[in-house]
Amino acid sequence: MAKAAIIKPRSVIITTRYFWQKWRPLLGNSLAVLIIEARRKCYRNLETGEVRDWFYSTIDELAQSVGFSAKKIAQLLRRPSAEKFIRYKPTYIYSPELGKKVRGKCLFRVSLDDPLVPDDEVSLISQEIHKDASFQNHSKAPFVPEVSTFEKPPTGQFDRNNYSTFQEINIDINNTTVTYSQKGGIIKIEQESLARRRQKYSSPREYDRIYQDILNDIGNDSILIKTILKTCFIAKVENHGGALLITIDTPNSYYTQVLEFRIRDKLLTLLEQRTGQKVALKVIDSSRS
């Protein structure tokens, strides 16, 4: 009994099998543990439907609760993949002693439901495209993304005037119109947005040819991956100590996630084979710039 009082065997941390088996390998163990801890600080009552998907904490307090350094917590939270699960912003409180506002604890907003991993999102898009094609002969209606909006936090130390509602968008294809062709199941992409985005950069023409070769190679594996890559391009090429830093521009956050999680390693390998140099890859979301 004394041992059980210390261990507390009925006090457990629960996560979904989907998160543990599919998201943890993509996120890495450190970020996965941080997300599980952040969810533990929130509350959901399945019987009453009551949900509290937020909490206040300093970075130091959060680091202490998972056994990481504050620096590592800050690095993990800056990862693009972390935004699918955790978002935060500092709050400010008035200090009578100093006569001004000072920084208080951060407000953390946590998604308590698991988003789909990129492979499953690609599968879902494929199903939606085929469903639309069978429902209408040649439908041009855009696929409506699933949007879940966090509600506002309670009043208190947080300055509501500076608050903007957080949104978690699982699929975002607003910047690219996808239509389905009846002949051979070919997916076509309207390229106007691509041309506008290209105007911001001036990458060497030789890399356009390299990217086209890579597009053809990867496209043999998946028509949907090829569709996504058609909306991306090599924006910048920089030399860094004998290695190339290649920046790829994507039209939205969903495509960024696909490149980061599903085909980043293959892209790196093909770029190094064709350039004959060590390559570092940077993926940027054009919709956020």
C-alpha atoms as a PDB file:
ATOM      1  CA  MET A   1       0.000   0.000   0.000  1.00  0.00           C
ATOM      2  CA  ALA A   2       2.840   2.397   0.792  1.00  0.00           C
ATOM      3  CA  LYS A   3       4.393   1.716  -2.607  1.00  0.00           C
ATOM      4  CA  ALA A   4       1.052   2.228  -4.392  1.00  0.00           C
ATOM      5  CA  ALA A   5       0.597   5.529  -2.554  1.00  0.00           C
ATOM      6  CA  ILE A   6       3.840   6.728  -4.100  1.00  0.00           C
ATOM      7  CA  ILE A   7       3.348   5.291  -7.581  1.00  0.00           C
ATOM      8  CA  LYS A   8      -0.391   6.051  -7.816  1.00  0.00           C
ATOM      9  CA  PRO A   9      -1.051   3.342 -10.434  1.00  0.00           C
ATOM     10  CA  ARG A  10      -4.482   4.756 -11.301  1.00  0.00           C
ATOM     11  CA  SER A  11      -3.008   8.158 -12.190  1.00  0.00           C
ATOM     12  CA  VAL A  12      -2.175   7.671 -15.867  1.00  0.00           C
ATOM     13  CA  ILE A  13      -1.480   9.805 -18.942  1.00  0.00           C
ATOM     14  CA  ILE A  14      -3.638   8.813 -21.916  1.00  0.00           C
ATOM     15  CA  THR A  15      -3.034   9.459 -25.601  1.00  0.00           C
ATOM     16  CA  THR A  16      -4.614   8.015 -28.713  1.00  0.00           C
ATOM     17  CA  ARG A  17      -3.072   5.062 -30.487  1.00  0.00           C
ATOM     18  CA  TYR A  18      -3.219   7.147 -33.698  1.00  0.00           C
ATOM     19  CA  PHE A  19      -1.048   9.871 -32.161  1.00  0.00           C
ATOM     20  CA  TRP A  20       1.453   7.398 -30.725  1.00  0.00           C
ATOM     21  CA  GLN A  21       1.785   5.208 -33.807  1.00  0.00           C
ATOM     22  CA  LYS A  22       1.467   7.781 -36.612  1.00  0.00           C
ATOM     23  CA  TRP A  23       2.335  11.231 -35.272  1.00  0.00           C
ATOM     24  CA  ARG A  24       5.119  10.384 -32.800  1.00  0.00           C
ATOM     25  CA  PRO A  25       7.521   9.048 -35.496  1.00  0.00           C
ATOM     26  CA  LEU A  26       6.955  12.235 -37.548  1.00  0.00           C
ATOM     27  CA  LEU A  27       7.197  14.704 -34.675  1.00  0.00           C
ATOM     28  CA  GLY A  28      10.048  13.038 -32.809  1.00  0.00           C
ATOM     29  CA  ASN A  29       9.888  11.834 -29.220  1.00  0.00           C
ATOM     30  CA  SER A  30      10.673  15.215 -27.626  1.00  0.00           C
ATOM     31  CA  LEU A  31       7.895  17.145 -29.358  1.00  0.00           C
ATOM     32  CA  ALA A  32       5.460  14.254 -28.875  1.00  0.00           C
ATOM     33  CA  VAL A  33       6.138  14.258 -25.117  1.00  0.00           C
ATOM     34  CA  LEU A  34       5.653  18.042 -24.999  1.00  0.00           C
ATOM     35  CA  ILE A  35       2.278  17.751 -26.766  1.00  0.00           C
ATOM     36  CA  ILE A  36       1.128  14.987 -24.409  1.00  0.00           C
ATOM     37  CA  GLU A  37       2.111  17.120 -21.403  1.00  0.00           C
ATOM     38  CA  ALA A  38       0.331  20.174 -22.840  1.00  0.00           C
ATOM     39  CA  ARG A  39      -2.826  18.123 -23.352  1.00  0.00           C
ATOM     40  CA  ARG A  40      -2.539  16.829 -19.801  1.00  0.00           C
ATOM     41  CA  LYS A  41      -2.753  20.411 -18.541  1.00  0.00           C
ATOM     42  CA  CYS A  42      -6.072  20.842 -20.366  1.00  0.00           C
ATOM     43  CA  TYR A  43      -9.444  19.300 -19.605  1.00  0.00           C
ATOM     44  CA  ARG A  44     -12.208  17.484 -21.457  1.00  0.00           C
ATOM     45  CA  ASN A  45     -15.298  15.857 -19.960  1.00  0.00           C
ATOM     46  CA  LEU A  46     -16.740  13.401 -22.476  1.00  0.00           C
ATOM     47  CA  GLU A  47     -20.006  13.099 -20.541  1.00  0.00           C
ATOM     48  CA  THR A  48     -20.843  16.802 -20.209  1.00  0.00           C
ATOM     49  CA  GLY A  49     -18.929  18.041 -23.262  1.00  0.00           C
ATOM     50  CA  GLU A  50     -17.033  20.597 -21.167  1.00  0.00           C
ATOM     51  CA  VAL A  51     -13.670  21.466 -22.747  1.00  0.00           C
ATOM     52  CA  ARG A  52     -10.780  23.629 -21.547  1.00  0.00           C
ATOM     53  CA  ASP A  53      -8.213  23.591 -24.347  1.00  0.00           C
ATOM     54  CA  TRP A  54      -5.924  26.270 -22.906  1.00  0.00           C
ATOM     55  CA  PHE A  55      -3.613  26.887 -19.964  1.00  0.00           C
ATOM     56  CA  TYR A  56      -1.267  29.573 -18.663  1.00  0.00           C
ATOM     57  CA  SER A  57       2.392  28.811 -18.059  1.00  0.00           C
ATOM     58  CA  THR A  58       5.858  30.244 -18.446  1.00  0.00           C
ATOM     59  CA  ILE A  59       8.310  28.492 -20.772  1.00  0.00           C
ATOM     60  CA  ASP A  60      10.437  27.645 -17.712  1.00  0.00           C
ATOM     61  CA  GLU A  61       7.476  26.029 -15.911  1.00  0.00           C
ATOM     62  CA  LEU A  62       6.567  23.987 -18.978  1.00  0.00           C
ATOM     63  CA  ALA A  63      10.187  22.916 -19.407  1.00  0.00           C
ATOM     64  CA  GLN A  64      10.369  21.783 -15.794  1.00  0.00           C
ATOM     65  CA  SER A  65       7.209  19.671 -16.141  1.00  0.00           C
ATOM     66  CA  VAL A  66       8.715  17.582 -18.978  1.00  0.00           C
ATOM     67  CA  GLY A  67      12.355  17.656 -17.882  1.00  0.00           C
ATOM     68  CA  PHE A  68      13.667  19.728 -20.811  1.00  0.00           C
ATOM     69  CA  SER A  69      15.547  23.009 -20.852  1.00  0.00           C
ATOM     70  CA  ALA A  70      13.653  26.203 -21.603  1.00  0.00           C
ATOM     71  CA  LYS A  71      15.801  26.625 -24.719  1.00  0.00           C
ATOM     72  CA  LYS A  72      14.740  23.216 -26.020  1.00  0.00           C
ATOM     73  CA  ILE A  73      11.056  23.967 -25.351  1.00  0.00           C
ATOM     74  CA  ALA A  74      11.359  27.189 -27.362  1.00  0.00           C
ATOM     75  CA  GLN A  75      13.031  25.300 -30.223  1.00  0.00           C
ATOM     76  CA  LEU A  76      10.329  22.613 -30.251  1.00  0.00           C
ATOM     77  CA  LEU A  77       7.529  25.189 -30.283  1.00  0.00           C
ATOM     78  CA  ARG A  78       9.077  26.927 -33.304  1.00  0.00           C
ATOM     79  CA  ARG A  79       8.800  23.796 -35.452  1.00  0.00           C
ATOM     80  CA  PRO A  80       6.109  24.060 -38.163  1.00  0.00           C
ATOM     81  CA  SER A  81       4.710  20.688 -37.093  1.00  0.00           C
ATOM     82  CA  ALA A  82       4.169  21.958 -33.534  1.00  0.00           C
ATOM     83  CA  GLU A  83       1.604  24.506 -34.741  1.00  0.00           C
ATOM     84  CA  LYS A  84      -0.819  21.704 -35.541  1.00  0.00           C
ATOM     85  CA  PHE A  85      -1.008  20.929 -31.819  1.00  0.00           C
ATOM     86  CA  ILE A  86       0.192  23.899 -29.733  1.00  0.00           C
ATOM     87  CA  ARG A  87       0.117  27.645 -30.217  1.00  0.00           C
ATOM     88  CA  TYR A  88       1.019  30.270 -27.679  1.00  0.00           C
ATOM     89  CA  LYS A  89       1.418  33.983 -27.191  1.00  0.00           C
ATOM     90  CA  PRO A  90       2.712  36.060 -24.282  1.00  0.00           C
ATOM     91  CA  THR A  91       0.355  37.973 -22.015  1.00  0.00           C
ATOM     92  CA  TYR A  92       0.990  41.254 -20.234  1.00  0.00           C
ATOM     93  CA  ILE A  93      -0.141  42.484 -16.815  1.00  0.00           C
ATOM     94  CA  TYR A  94       0.055  45.909 -15.252  1.00  0.00           C
ATOM     95  CA  SER A  95       2.706  46.334 -12.560  1.00  0.00           C
ATOM     96  CA  PRO A  96       1.800  49.089 -10.041  1.00  0.00           C
ATOM     97  CA  GLU A  97       5.402  49.096  -8.785  1.00  0.00           C
ATOM     98  CA  LEU A  98       6.841  49.769 -12.245  1.00  0.00           C
ATOM     99  CA  GLY A  99       3.881  51.761 -13.515  1.00  0.00           C
ATOM    100  CA  LYS A 100       3.711  49.834 -16.786  1.00  0.00           C
ATOM    101  CA  LYS A 101       2.741  46.515 -18.309  1.00  0.00           C
ATOM    102  CA  VAL A 102       5.173  43.649 -17.853  1.00  0.00           C
ATOM    103  CA  ARG A 103       5.250  40.255 -19.453  1.00  0.00           C
ATOM    104  CA  GLY A 104       3.232  37.596 -17.648  1.00  0.00           C
ATOM    105  CA  LYS A 105       2.701  33.942 -18.367  1.00  0.00           C
ATOM    106  CA  CYS A 106       2.070  32.654 -21.876  1.00  0.00           C
ATOM    107  CA  LEU A 107      -1.367  31.531 -22.978  1.00  0.00           C
ATOM    108  CA  PHE A 108      -1.085  28.092 -24.570  1.00  0.00           C
ATOM    109  CA  ARG A 109      -3.851  26.859 -26.886  1.00  0.00           C
ATOM    110  CA  VAL A 110      -3.853  23.097 -27.417  1.00  0.00           C
ATOM    111  CA  SER A 111      -5.606  20.958 -30.013  1.00  0.00           C
ATOM    112  CA  LEU A 112      -7.084  18.026 -28.096  1.00  0.00           C
ATOM    113  CA  ASP A 113      -7.996  16.161 -31.292  1.00  0.00           C
ATOM    114  CA  ASP A 114      -5.406  14.591 -33.575  1.00  0.00           C
ATOM    115  CA  PRO A 115      -5.110  16.020 -37.090  1.00  0.00           C
ATOM    116  CA  LEU A 116      -4.507  13.600 -39.935  1.00  0.00           C
ATOM    117  CA  VAL A 117      -0.906  12.766 -40.815  1.00  0.00           C
ATOM    118  CA  PRO A 118       0.107  13.888 -44.344  1.00  0.00           C
ATOM    119  CA  ASP A 119      -0.311  10.391 -45.854  1.00  0.00           C
ATOM    120  CA  ASP A 120      -3.873  10.170 -44.579  1.00  0.00           C
ATOM    121  CA  GLU A 121      -4.651  13.724 -45.727  1.00  0.00           C
ATOM    122  CA  VAL A 122      -3.435  12.873 -49.233  1.00  0.00           C
ATOM    123  CA  SER A 123      -5.663   9.795 -49.163  1.00  0.00           C
ATOM    124  CA  LEU A 124      -8.602  11.930 -48.019  1.00  0.00           C
ATOM    125  CA  ILE A 125      -8.055  14.458 -50.816  1.00  0.00           C
ATOM    126  CA  SER A 126      -7.938  11.613 -53.338  1.00  0.00           C
ATOM    127  CA  GLN A 127     -11.238  10.253 -52.031  1.00  0.00           C
ATOM    128  CA  GLU A 128     -12.850  13.705 -52.179  1.00  0.00           C
ATOM    129  CA  ILE A 129     -11.648  14.295 -55.743  1.00  0.00           C
ATOM    130  CA  HIS A 130     -13.018  10.963 -56.930  1.00  0.00           C
ATOM    131  CA  LYS A 131     -16.258  11.499 -55.013  1.00  0.00           C
ATOM    132  CA  ASP A 132     -16.748  14.917 -56.610  1.00  0.00           C
ATOM    133  CA  ALA A 133     -15.980  13.498 -60.045  1.00  0.00           C
ATOM    134  CA  SER A 134     -18.567  10.747 -59.687  1.00  0.00           C
ATOM    135  CA  PHE A 135     -21.190  13.154 -58.287  1.00  0.00           C
ATOM    136  CA  GLN A 136     -20.765  15.729 -61.030  1.00  0.00           C
ATOM    137  CA  ASN A 137     -19.349  15.073 -64.461  1.00  0.00           C
ATOM    138  CA  HIS A 138     -16.716  17.763 -64.168  1.00  0.00           C
ATOM    139  CA  SER A 139     -17.202  19.583 -60.876  1.00  0.00           C
ATOM    140  CA  LYS A 140     -15.386  22.869 -60.290  1.00  0.00           C
ATOM    141  CA  ALA A 141     -16.640  23.298 -56.754  1.00  0.00           C
ATOM    142  CA  PRO A 142     -13.686  23.727 -54.368  1.00  0.00           C
ATOM    143  CA  PHE A 143     -13.108  21.227 -51.622  1.00  0.00           C
ATOM    144  CA  VAL A 144     -14.054  22.911 -48.325  1.00  0.00           C
ATOM    145  CA  PRO A 145     -11.331  22.396 -45.701  1.00  0.00           C
ATOM    146  CA  GLU A 146     -12.163  21.286 -42.208  1.00  0.00           C
ATOM    147  CA  VAL A 147     -11.666  24.224 -39.857  1.00  0.00           C
ATOM    148  CA  SER A 148     -11.766  23.992 -36.104  1.00  0.00           C
ATOM    149  CA  THR A 149     -11.723  27.283 -34.206  1.00  0.00           C
ATOM    150  CA  PHE A 150     -10.542  27.641 -30.632  1.00  0.00           C
ATOM    151  CA  GLU A 151     -12.864  29.636 -28.412  1.00  0.00           C
ATOM    152  CA  LYS A 152     -11.625  32.694 -26.529  1.00  0.00           C
ATOM    153  CA  PRO A 153      -9.983  32.185 -23.146  1.00  0.00           C
ATOM    154  CA  PRO A 154     -11.584  33.448 -19.968  1.00  0.00           C
ATOM    155  CA  THR A 155     -11.126  37.025 -18.823  1.00  0.00           C
ATOM    156  CA  GLY A 156      -8.267  37.701 -16.433  1.00  0.00           C
ATOM    157  CA  GLN A 157      -4.664  38.605 -16.970  1.00  0.00           C
ATOM    158  CA  PHE A 158      -4.945  38.176 -20.734  1.00  0.00           C
ATOM    159  CA  ASP A 159      -5.538  41.375 -22.712  1.00  0.00           C
ATOM    160  CA  ARG A 160      -8.591  40.531 -24.831  1.00  0.00           C
ATOM    161  CA  ASN A 161      -8.108  43.601 -27.049  1.00  0.00           C
ATOM    162  CA  ASN A 162      -4.937  42.072 -28.462  1.00  0.00           C
ATOM    163  CA  TYR A 163      -6.467  38.639 -28.896  1.00  0.00           C
ATOM    164  CA  SER A 164      -7.095  37.110 -32.299  1.00  0.00           C
ATOM    165  CA  THR A 165      -8.873  33.786 -32.625  1.00  0.00           C
ATOM    166  CA  PHE A 166      -6.620  30.823 -33.341  1.00  0.00           C
ATOM    167  CA  GLN A 167      -7.578  28.533 -36.177  1.00  0.00           C
ATOM    168  CA  GLU A 168      -6.312  25.071 -36.965  1.00  0.00           C
ATOM    169  CA  ILE A 169      -6.752  24.309 -40.666  1.00  0.00           C
ATOM    170  CA  ASN A 170      -6.171  20.686 -41.532  1.00  0.00           C
ATOM    171  CA  ILE A 171      -6.373  21.062 -45.319  1.00  0.00           C
ATOM    172  CA  ASP A 172      -5.766  24.297 -47.170  1.00  0.00           C
ATOM    173  CA  ILE A 173      -5.967  24.422 -50.959  1.00  0.00           C
ATOM    174  CA  ASN A 174      -7.351  27.947 -51.277  1.00  0.00           C
ATOM    175  CA  ASN A 175      -4.398  29.171 -53.340  1.00  0.00           C
ATOM    176  CA  THR A 176      -4.606  26.391 -55.898  1.00  0.00           C
ATOM    177  CA  THR A 177      -7.698  25.215 -57.769  1.00  0.00           C
ATOM    178  CA  VAL A 178      -7.755  21.437 -58.198  1.00  0.00           C
ATOM    179  CA  THR A 179     -10.049  19.979 -60.847  1.00  0.00           C
ATOM    180  CA  TYR A 180     -10.518  16.405 -61.981  1.00  0.00           C
ATOM    181  CA  SER A 181     -10.195  15.399 -65.636  1.00  0.00           C
ATOM    182  CA  GLN A 182     -12.385  12.587 -66.945  1.00  0.00           C
ATOM    183  CA  LYS A 183      -9.652  11.268 -69.218  1.00  0.00           C
ATOM    184  CA  GLY A 184      -7.324   8.888 -67.421  1.00  0.00           C
ATOM    185  CA  GLY A 185      -7.956  10.276 -63.949  1.00  0.00           C
ATOM    186  CA  ILE A 186      -5.448  13.124 -64.449  1.00  0.00           C
ATOM    187  CA  ILE A 187      -5.442  15.933 -61.924  1.00  0.00           C
ATOM    188  CA  LYS A 188      -4.919  19.400 -63.431  1.00  0.00           C
ATOM    189  CA  ILE A 189      -3.587  22.453 -61.616  1.00  0.00           C
ATOM    190  CA  GLU A 190      -4.287  26.067 -62.507  1.00  0.00           C
ATOM    191  CA  GLN A 191      -0.898  27.786 -62.464  1.00  0.00           C
ATOM    192  CA  GLU A 192      -1.767  31.507 -62.169  1.00  0.00           C
ATOM    193  CA  SER A 193      -0.798  31.680 -58.487  1.00  0.00           C
ATOM    194  CA  LEU A 194       2.491  29.931 -59.273  1.00  0.00           C
ATOM    195  CA  ALA A 195       3.439  32.615 -61.805  1.00  0.00           C
ATOM    196  CA  ARG A 196       2.669  35.396 -59.324  1.00  0.00           C
ATOM    197  CA  ARG A 197       4.744  33.756 -56.607  1.00  0.00           C
ATOM    198  CA  ARG A 198       7.709  33.270 -58.964  1.00  0.00           C
ATOM    199  CA  GLN A 199       7.933  37.022 -59.518  1.00  0.00           C
ATOM    200  CA  LYS A 200       9.334  37.442 -55.982  1.00  0.00           C
ATOM    201  CA  TYR A 201      12.418  35.326 -56.744  1.00  0.00           C
ATOM    202  CA  SER A 202      15.119  34.938 -59.366  1.00  0.00           C
ATOM    203  CA  SER A 203      16.555  31.439 -59.020  1.00  0.00           C
ATOM    204  CA  PRO A 204      19.005  30.253 -61.736  1.00  0.00           C
ATOM    205  CA  ARG A 205      17.262  28.670 -64.753  1.00  0.00           C
ATOM    206  CA  GLU A 206      19.376  25.524 -64.460  1.00  0.00           C
ATOM    207  CA  TYR A 207      17.576  24.680 -61.229  1.00  0.00           C
ATOM    208  CA  ASP A 208      14.211  24.881 -63.004  1.00  0.00           C
ATOM    209  CA  ARG A 209      15.404  22.036 -65.216  1.00  0.00           C
ATOM    210  CA  ILE A 210      16.685  20.080 -62.219  1.00  0.00           C
ATOM    211  CA  TYR A 211      13.353  20.541 -60.431  1.00  0.00           C
ATOM    212  CA  GLN A 212      11.452  19.381 -63.525  1.00  0.00           C
ATOM    213  CA  ASP A 213      13.551  16.198 -63.666  1.00  0.00           C
ATOM    214  CA  ILE A 214      12.857  15.549 -59.973  1.00  0.00           C
ATOM    215  CA  LEU A 215       9.162  16.213 -60.555  1.00  0.00           C
ATOM    216  CA  ASN A 216       9.083  13.537 -63.238  1.00  0.00           C
ATOM    217  CA  ASP A 217      10.902  11.015 -61.022  1.00  0.00           C
ATOM    218  CA  ILE A 218       8.745  11.492 -57.942  1.00  0.00           C
ATOM    219  CA  GLY A 219       5.596  11.744 -60.046  1.00  0.00           C
ATOM    220  CA  ASN A 220       6.045   8.142 -61.101  1.00  0.00           C
ATOM    221  CA  ASP A 221       5.389   7.103 -57.483  1.00  0.00           C
ATOM    222  CA  SER A 222       2.230   9.143 -56.826  1.00  0.00           C
ATOM    223  CA  ILE A 223       0.005  11.321 -59.022  1.00  0.00           C
ATOM    224  CA  LEU A 224      -1.081  13.292 -55.964  1.00  0.00           C
ATOM    225  CA  ILE A 225       2.497  14.027 -54.880  1.00  0.00           C
ATOM    226  CA  LYS A 226       3.255  15.132 -58.427  1.00  0.00           C
ATOM    227  CA  THR A 227       0.185  17.379 -58.282  1.00  0.00           C
ATOM    228  CA  ILE A 228       1.454  19.021 -55.110  1.00  0.00           C
ATOM    229  CA  LEU A 229       5.000  19.472 -56.462  1.00  0.00           C
ATOM    230  CA  LYS A 230       3.621  21.195 -59.573  1.00  0.00           C
ATOM    231  CA  THR A 231       2.497  24.072 -57.368  1.00  0.00           C
ATOM    232  CA  CYS A 232       5.970  24.424 -55.772  1.00  0.00           C
ATOM    233  CA  PHE A 233       9.281  25.621 -57.173  1.00  0.00           C
ATOM    234  CA  ILE A 234      12.916  26.295 -56.264  1.00  0.00           C
ATOM    235  CA  ALA A 235      12.857  29.904 -55.069  1.00  0.00           C
ATOM    236  CA  LYS A 236      16.466  30.479 -53.957  1.00  0.00           C
ATOM    237  CA  VAL A 237      19.834  28.736 -54.150  1.00  0.00           C
ATOM    238  CA  GLU A 238      22.615  29.919 -51.811  1.00  0.00           C
ATOM    239  CA  ASN A 239      26.142  28.685 -51.138  1.00  0.00           C
ATOM    240  CA  HIS A 240      26.942  27.991 -47.488  1.00  0.00           C
ATOM    241  CA  GLY A 241      30.398  26.642 -46.746  1.00  0.00           C
ATOM    242  CA  GLY A 242      30.574  24.278 -49.700  1.00  0.00           C
ATOM    243  CA  ALA A 243      26.934  23.188 -49.391  1.00  0.00           C
ATOM    244  CA  LEU A 244      23.850  24.453 -51.198  1.00  0.00           C
ATOM    245  CA  LEU A 245      20.912  25.871 -49.282  1.00  0.00           C
ATOM    246  CA  ILE A 246      17.922  25.334 -51.566  1.00  0.00           C
ATOM    247  CA  THR A 247      14.639  27.052 -50.694  1.00  0.00           C
ATOM    248  CA  ILE A 248      11.405  25.579 -52.044  1.00  0.00           C
ATOM    249  CA  ASP A 249       8.301  27.782 -52.120  1.00  0.00           C
ATOM    250  CA  THR A 250       4.915  26.126 -51.435  1.00  0.00           C
ATOM    251  CA  PRO A 251       1.454  27.719 -51.835  1.00  0.00           C
ATOM    252  CA  ASN A 252       0.019  26.820 -48.411  1.00  0.00           C
ATOM    253  CA  SER A 253       0.667  25.211 -45.043  1.00  0.00           C
ATOM    254  CA  TYR A 254      -0.730  21.803 -46.012  1.00  0.00           C
ATOM    255  CA  TYR A 255       1.660  21.388 -48.950  1.00  0.00           C
ATOM    256  CA  THR A 256       4.511  22.521 -46.682  1.00  0.00           C
ATOM    257  CA  GLN A 257       3.659  19.698 -44.269  1.00  0.00           C
ATOM    258  CA  VAL A 258       3.594  17.127 -47.100  1.00  0.00           C
ATOM    259  CA  LEU A 259       7.050  18.200 -48.302  1.00  0.00           C
ATOM    260  CA  GLU A 260       8.460  18.293 -44.763  1.00  0.00           C
ATOM    261  CA  PHE A 261       7.076  14.960 -43.573  1.00  0.00           C
ATOM    262  CA  ARG A 262       6.549  12.755 -46.613  1.00  0.00           C
ATOM    263  CA  ILE A 263       9.104  13.497 -49.339  1.00  0.00           C
ATOM    264  CA  ARG A 264      11.818  15.674 -47.767  1.00  0.00           C
ATOM    265  CA  ASP A 265      14.411  12.875 -47.645  1.00  0.00           C
ATOM    266  CA  LYS A 266      13.737  11.824 -51.222  1.00  0.00           C
ATOM    267  CA  LEU A 267      13.931  15.431 -52.427  1.00  0.00           C
ATOM    268  CA  LEU A 268      17.274  15.888 -50.676  1.00  0.00           C
ATOM    269  CA  THR A 269      18.688  12.719 -52.227  1.00  0.00           C
ATOM    270  CA  LEU A 270      17.581  13.655 -55.754  1.00  0.00           C
ATOM    271  CA  LEU A 271      18.853  17.248 -55.406  1.00  0.00           C
ATOM    272  CA  GLU A 272      22.263  16.036 -54.222  1.00  0.00           C
ATOM    273  CA  GLN A 273      22.470  13.513 -57.075  1.00  0.00           C
ATOM    274  CA  ARG A 274      21.722  16.159 -59.701  1.00  0.00           C
ATOM    275  CA  THR A 275      23.803  19.000 -58.255  1.00  0.00           C
ATOM    276  CA  GLY A 276      26.733  16.861 -57.126  1.00  0.00           C
ATOM    277  CA  GLN A 277      26.884  18.821 -53.863  1.00  0.00           C
ATOM    278  CA  LYS A 278      25.728  18.527 -50.275  1.00  0.00           C
ATOM    279  CA  VAL A 279      22.273  20.100 -50.016  1.00  0.00           C
ATOM    280  CA  ALA A 280      20.327  21.632 -47.140  1.00  0.00           C
ATOM    281  CA  LEU A 281      16.619  22.062 -47.822  1.00  0.00           C
ATOM    282  CA  LYS A 282      14.385  24.890 -46.602  1.00  0.00           C
ATOM    283  CA  VAL A 283      10.623  24.810 -47.240  1.00  0.00           C
ATOM    284  CA  ILE A 284       8.647  28.062 -46.973  1.00  0.00           C
ATOM    285  CA  ASP A 285       4.905  28.677 -47.026  1.00  0.00           C
ATOM    286  CA  SER A 286       4.137  31.465 -49.495  1.00  0.00           C
ATOM    287  CA  SER A 287       0.725  32.167 -47.949  1.00  0.00           C
ATOM    288  CA  ARG A 288       2.440  33.275 -44.704  1.00  0.00           C
ATOM    289  CA  SER A 289       5.035  35.556 -46.250  1.00  0.00           C
END
